Amino acid sequence: MSAPHKAGFVAIVGAPNAGKSTLLNHILGEKVAIVTAKPQTTRHRILGVHTQSEPPAQLVFWDTPGLHRPGKVLLNQEMMNRALSALTDSDVALWVVDSLKRGAEHQTALEALLQNRRPLVVAVNKTDAASDKGQLLPLIQEIQTQAEPAAIVPVSARTGDGVPALLAEIIRLLPENPPFYPEDTLTDQPERDIAAEMVREAVFKLTSQEVPYSTAVTIDEFKVEGALVRIAATIHVEKDSQKRIVIGAKGAMLKKIGQTARINIERMVGSKVFLQLFVRTTTDWTKKHSTLLEFGYQG
């Protein structure tokens, strides 16, 4: 007798920079979520689909913005709302914990999970960077006492160590359902939206201080012309001083951003890309409902 097919929604939650997006990309074997060393890179609720035949299961993941205290900035409030709504809509919560560093956001994540009770699996991440694996035991015992999860699995999102065991624990908790998506589906994000995120990823990696957090990217044109994809995108910042930084001396920084983003976009679409970037000052866009809606962060 064959095993019943399991399928369900899994919210990946945790503090900023815990490795949530890296873990999702490893599970899928493709890059659908951008990754940088800076916290709060993810702003949207990103869907990724993992389908397997043995045991038969389909896990529909939501990669969410890092749980944090949002303060009064509307963008940060919207990011928190998206993370919490994913928890509410999920069958299983996957809490990714940074084994090397825990701050106030760790407690914020714990509080959210306790308030929104869902079957919980904890991934204790970055074990490949831990100098002494024995140091993980007190952390695991602490999480077990505080959150009472169904399972705690040490993993490395970077190398994939422990990920098969993690998936097995999640599947164990999923309900019996037929697949929700065709088996070759990886994400529901249109390529133009992923391209915008890859431009924003390049800005995050190549600029510093407040500039990455004041940046949004919109796609003005996305055309497939035979073996060429032609893309025009606008990088929005909040201040003219930030615009000058993004452009750089004689356009050097903007050129570097474009080159970095283009390599990743070409890998995604599988063809040559002509990428044209513009920079625009959209004053205080992170604090206005109208611009958050226009840039896809509300609604």
Foldseek 3Di string as FASTA:
>chain_A
DADFEFEWEEEEAEAWQLCLQLLLCLQLVHRQAFDDNDGQLDQAFWWFWHADVVVGYIYIYTYAHYQDDQPQFQSSVLRNVRSLVSLLRTQEYEYRAALPDDDPSRVRRLVSCVVRPHQYEYEHEDCVVDPDNVSCVVVVVVCCVSRVHPYYFYAYSNVGPRVVVSVVSVRVRGDRDDDPDPNPDTTPDDLQVSLQSLLLSLVVHQDDDCLSVQWGKDWPDWDDDDQETETEMEIEGADVVSVCVCCDDVRPNVVSSVVRSQVSSCVVVVGHYDYHYHYDHDHSLSRDPVSCVVRVSDD
